PDB file of N, CA and C in Angstrom:
ATOM      1  N   MET A   1      10.617  -6.479  -4.248  1.00  0.00           N
ATOM      2  CA  MET A   1       9.896  -7.079  -3.157  1.00  0.00           C
ATOM      3  C   MET A   1       8.427  -7.179  -3.551  1.00  0.00           C
ATOM      4  N   PRO A   2       7.902  -8.378  -3.651  1.00  0.00           N
ATOM      5  CA  PRO A   2       6.472  -8.543  -3.938  1.00  0.00           C
ATOM      6  C   PRO A   2       5.632  -8.152  -2.721  1.00  0.00           C
ATOM      7  N   LEU A   3       4.586  -7.433  -2.980  1.00  0.00           N
ATOM      8  CA  LEU A   3       3.715  -6.970  -1.906  1.00  0.00           C
ATOM      9  C   LEU A   3       2.333  -7.585  -2.023  1.00  0.00           C
ATOM     10  N   GLU A   4       1.691  -7.755  -0.889  1.00  0.00           N
ATOM     11  CA  GLU A   4       0.281  -8.126  -0.853  1.00  0.00           C
ATOM     12  C   GLU A   4      -0.477  -6.925  -0.319  1.00  0.00           C
ATOM     13  N   ILE A   5      -1.557  -6.601  -0.989  1.00  0.00           N
ATOM     14  CA  ILE A   5      -2.361  -5.439  -0.610  1.00  0.00           C
ATOM     15  C   ILE A   5      -3.796  -5.904  -0.410  1.00  0.00           C
ATOM     16  N   ALA A   6      -4.379  -5.530   0.720  1.00  0.00           N
ATOM     17  CA  ALA A   6      -5.761  -5.883   1.023  1.00  0.00           C
ATOM     18  C   ALA A   6      -6.540  -4.614   1.344  1.00  0.00           C
ATOM     19  N   VAL A   7      -7.648  -4.435   0.649  1.00  0.00           N
ATOM     20  CA  VAL A   7      -8.523  -3.299   0.936  1.00  0.00           C
ATOM     21  C   VAL A   7      -9.550  -3.772   1.956  1.00  0.00           C
ATOM     22  N   LEU A   8      -9.512  -3.144   3.121  1.00  0.00           N
ATOM     23  CA  LEU A   8     -10.424  -3.479   4.206  1.00  0.00           C
ATOM     24  C   LEU A   8     -11.534  -2.439   4.250  1.00  0.00           C
ATOM     25  N   ASP A   9     -12.371  -2.474   5.275  1.00  0.00           N
ATOM     26  CA  ASP A   9     -13.484  -1.528   5.360  1.00  0.00           C
ATOM     27  C   ASP A   9     -13.029  -0.075   5.312  1.00  0.00           C
ATOM     28  N   ARG A  10     -12.077   0.293   6.159  1.00  0.00           N
ATOM     29  CA  ARG A  10     -11.638   1.687   6.243  1.00  0.00           C
ATOM     30  C   ARG A  10     -10.142   1.863   6.035  1.00  0.00           C
ATOM     31  N   HIS A  11      -9.447   0.778   5.731  1.00  0.00           N
ATOM     32  CA  HIS A  11      -7.999   0.836   5.609  1.00  0.00           C
ATOM     33  C   HIS A  11      -7.504  -0.035   4.461  1.00  0.00           C
ATOM     34  N   VAL A  12      -6.255   0.166   4.112  1.00  0.00           N
ATOM     35  CA  VAL A  12      -5.557  -0.698   3.172  1.00  0.00           C
ATOM     36  C   VAL A  12      -4.376  -1.284   3.938  1.00  0.00           C
ATOM     37  N   ALA A  13      -4.232  -2.598   3.874  1.00  0.00           N
ATOM     38  CA  ALA A  13      -3.140  -3.283   4.558  1.00  0.00           C
ATOM     39  C   ALA A  13      -2.119  -3.727   3.520  1.00  0.00           C
ATOM     40  N   VAL A  14      -0.836  -3.552   3.840  1.00  0.00           N
ATOM     41  CA  VAL A  14       0.244  -3.909   2.915  1.00  0.00           C
ATOM     42  C   VAL A  14       1.283  -4.713   3.681  1.00  0.00           C
ATOM     43  N   ARG A  15       1.736  -5.820   3.058  1.00  0.00           N
ATOM     44  CA  ARG A  15       2.800  -6.615   3.667  1.00  0.00           C
ATOM     45  C   ARG A  15       3.675  -7.239   2.592  1.00  0.00           C
ATOM     46  N   ASP A  16       4.838  -7.683   3.006  1.00  0.00           N
ATOM     47  CA  ASP A  16       5.772  -8.383   2.131  1.00  0.00           C
ATOM     48  C   ASP A  16       5.268  -9.813   1.972  1.00  0.00           C
ATOM     49  N   SER A  17       4.949 -10.217   0.750  1.00  0.00           N
ATOM     50  CA  SER A  17       4.379 -11.548   0.542  1.00  0.00           C
ATOM     51  C   SER A  17       5.368 -12.667   0.839  1.00  0.00           C
ATOM     52  N   LYS A  18       6.657 -12.373   0.840  1.00  0.00           N
ATOM     53  CA  LYS A  18       7.656 -13.395   1.169  1.00  0.00           C
ATOM     54  C   LYS A  18       7.800 -13.592   2.677  1.00  0.00           C
ATOM     55  N   ASN A  19       7.203 -12.702   3.457  1.00  0.00           N
ATOM     56  CA  ASN A  19       7.263 -12.788   4.912  1.00  0.00           C
ATOM     57  C   ASN A  19       5.855 -12.575   5.474  1.00  0.00           C
ATOM     58  N   PRO A  20       4.962 -13.553   5.304  1.00  0.00           N
ATOM     59  CA  PRO A  20       3.560 -13.360   5.703  1.00  0.00           C
ATOM     60  C   PRO A  20       3.349 -13.156   7.197  1.00  0.00           C
ATOM     61  N   TYR A  21       4.336 -13.484   8.020  1.00  0.00           N
ATOM     62  CA  TYR A  21       4.195 -13.296   9.462  1.00  0.00           C
ATOM     63  C   TYR A  21       4.913 -12.040   9.948  1.00  0.00           C
ATOM     64  N   GLY A  22       5.430 -11.264   9.004  1.00  0.00           N
ATOM     65  CA  GLY A  22       6.126 -10.024   9.342  1.00  0.00           C
ATOM     66  C   GLY A  22       5.162  -8.874   9.564  1.00  0.00           C
ATOM     67  N   ALA A  23       5.721  -7.695   9.595  1.00  0.00           N
ATOM     68  CA  ALA A  23       4.948  -6.482   9.868  1.00  0.00           C
ATOM     69  C   ALA A  23       3.935  -6.191   8.762  1.00  0.00           C
ATOM     70  N   VAL A  24       2.852  -5.561   9.152  1.00  0.00           N
ATOM     71  CA  VAL A  24       1.813  -5.117   8.224  1.00  0.00           C
ATOM     72  C   VAL A  24       1.679  -3.609   8.384  1.00  0.00           C
ATOM     73  N   LEU A  25       1.654  -2.903   7.269  1.00  0.00           N
ATOM     74  CA  LEU A  25       1.436  -1.459   7.294  1.00  0.00           C
ATOM     75  C   LEU A  25      -0.027  -1.192   6.981  1.00  0.00           C
ATOM     76  N   PHE A  26      -0.639  -0.289   7.719  1.00  0.00           N
ATOM     77  CA  PHE A  26      -2.029   0.084   7.491  1.00  0.00           C
ATOM     78  C   PHE A  26      -2.096   1.548   7.085  1.00  0.00           C
ATOM     79  N   PHE A  27      -2.904   1.824   6.065  1.00  0.00           N
ATOM     80  CA  PHE A  27      -3.122   3.179   5.576  1.00  0.00           C
ATOM     81  C   PHE A  27      -4.615   3.430   5.515  1.00  0.00           C
ATOM     82  N   THR A  28      -5.009   4.682   5.739  1.00  0.00           N
ATOM     83  CA  THR A  28      -6.417   5.022   5.527  1.00  0.00           C
ATOM     84  C   THR A  28      -6.679   4.999   4.025  1.00  0.00           C
ATOM     85  N   LEU A  29      -7.927   4.936   3.652  1.00  0.00           N
ATOM     86  CA  LEU A  29      -8.263   4.949   2.220  1.00  0.00           C
ATOM     87  C   LEU A  29      -7.796   6.243   1.561  1.00  0.00           C
ATOM     88  N   ALA A  30      -7.897   7.361   2.288  1.00  0.00           N
ATOM     89  CA  ALA A  30      -7.449   8.647   1.746  1.00  0.00           C
ATOM     90  C   ALA A  30      -5.931   8.660   1.544  1.00  0.00           C
ATOM     91  N   GLU A  31      -5.190   8.125   2.498  1.00  0.00           N
ATOM     92  CA  GLU A  31      -3.729   8.061   2.359  1.00  0.00           C
ATOM     93  C   GLU A  31      -3.339   7.195   1.170  1.00  0.00           C
ATOM     94  N   TRP A  32      -4.006   6.058   1.025  1.00  0.00           N
ATOM     95  CA  TRP A  32      -3.697   5.155  -0.077  1.00  0.00           C
ATOM     96  C   TRP A  32      -4.034   5.805  -1.416  1.00  0.00           C
ATOM     97  N   ALA A  33      -5.166   6.476  -1.503  1.00  0.00           N
ATOM     98  CA  ALA A  33      -5.564   7.149  -2.746  1.00  0.00           C
ATOM     99  C   ALA A  33      -4.551   8.231  -3.118  1.00  0.00           C
ATOM    100  N   ALA A  34      -4.067   8.969  -2.132  1.00  0.00           N
ATOM    101  CA  ALA A  34      -3.070  10.005  -2.394  1.00  0.00           C
ATOM    102  C   ALA A  34      -1.759   9.381  -2.876  1.00  0.00           C
ATOM    103  N   PHE A  35      -1.353   8.275  -2.281  1.00  0.00           N
ATOM    104  CA  PHE A  35      -0.140   7.564  -2.686  1.00  0.00           C
ATOM    105  C   PHE A  35      -0.256   7.081  -4.132  1.00  0.00           C
ATOM    106  N   VAL A  36      -1.368   6.459  -4.472  1.00  0.00           N
ATOM    107  CA  VAL A  36      -1.578   5.968  -5.835  1.00  0.00           C
ATOM    108  C   VAL A  36      -1.607   7.132  -6.828  1.00  0.00           C
ATOM    109  N   ALA A  37      -2.247   8.230  -6.471  1.00  0.00           N
ATOM    110  CA  ALA A  37      -2.284   9.411  -7.342  1.00  0.00           C
ATOM    111  C   ALA A  37      -0.874   9.949  -7.576  1.00  0.00           C
ATOM    112  N   ASP A  38      -0.048   9.970  -6.536  1.00  0.00           N
ATOM    113  CA  ASP A  38       1.339  10.416  -6.682  1.00  0.00           C
ATOM    114  C   ASP A  38       2.123   9.507  -7.608  1.00  0.00           C
ATOM    115  N   ILE A  39       1.900   8.195  -7.512  1.00  0.00           N
ATOM    116  CA  ILE A  39       2.583   7.261  -8.422  1.00  0.00           C
ATOM    117  C   ILE A  39       2.169   7.533  -9.853  1.00  0.00           C
ATOM    118  N   LYS A  40       0.878   7.673 -10.090  1.00  0.00           N
ATOM    119  CA  LYS A  40       0.370   7.926 -11.443  1.00  0.00           C
ATOM    120  C   LYS A  40       0.903   9.251 -12.005  1.00  0.00           C
ATOM    121  N   ALA A  41       1.135  10.218 -11.130  1.00  0.00           N
ATOM    122  CA  ALA A  41       1.640  11.524 -11.568  1.00  0.00           C
ATOM    123  C   ALA A  41       3.146  11.516 -11.779  1.00  0.00           C
ATOM    124  N   GLY A  42       3.794  10.383 -11.466  1.00  0.00           N
ATOM    125  CA  GLY A  42       5.225  10.282 -11.667  1.00  0.00           C
ATOM    126  C   GLY A  42       6.055  10.889 -10.548  1.00  0.00           C
ATOM    127  N   TYR A  43       5.440  11.146  -9.411  1.00  0.00           N
ATOM    128  CA  TYR A  43       6.128  11.789  -8.306  1.00  0.00           C
ATOM    129  C   TYR A  43       7.321  10.975  -7.795  1.00  0.00           C
ATOM    130  N   TYR A  44       7.244   9.655  -7.865  1.00  0.00           N
ATOM    131  CA  TYR A  44       8.300   8.793  -7.325  1.00  0.00           C
ATOM    132  C   TYR A  44       9.285   8.331  -8.395  1.00  0.00           C
ATOM    133  N   GLY A  45       9.265   8.930  -9.545  1.00  0.00           N
ATOM    134  CA  GLY A  45      10.208   8.579 -10.603  1.00  0.00           C
ATOM    135  C   GLY A  45       9.591   7.662 -11.640  1.00  0.00           C
ATOM    136  N   PRO A  46      10.405   7.229 -12.582  1.00  0.00           N
ATOM    137  CA  PRO A  46       9.884   6.416 -13.696  1.00  0.00           C
ATOM    138  C   PRO A  46       9.365   5.071 -13.267  1.00  0.00           C
TER     139      PRO A  46
END
């Protein structure tokens, strides 16, 4: 699933690029940074 990610002032918005009128998930910058750090650390698998 291709994703679109937008960094806003205080949040990161994520949506499915194939469904631009669908739901949007919002994360705080701290939540997003923790998620990216977990990916880099291999927490979610290969």
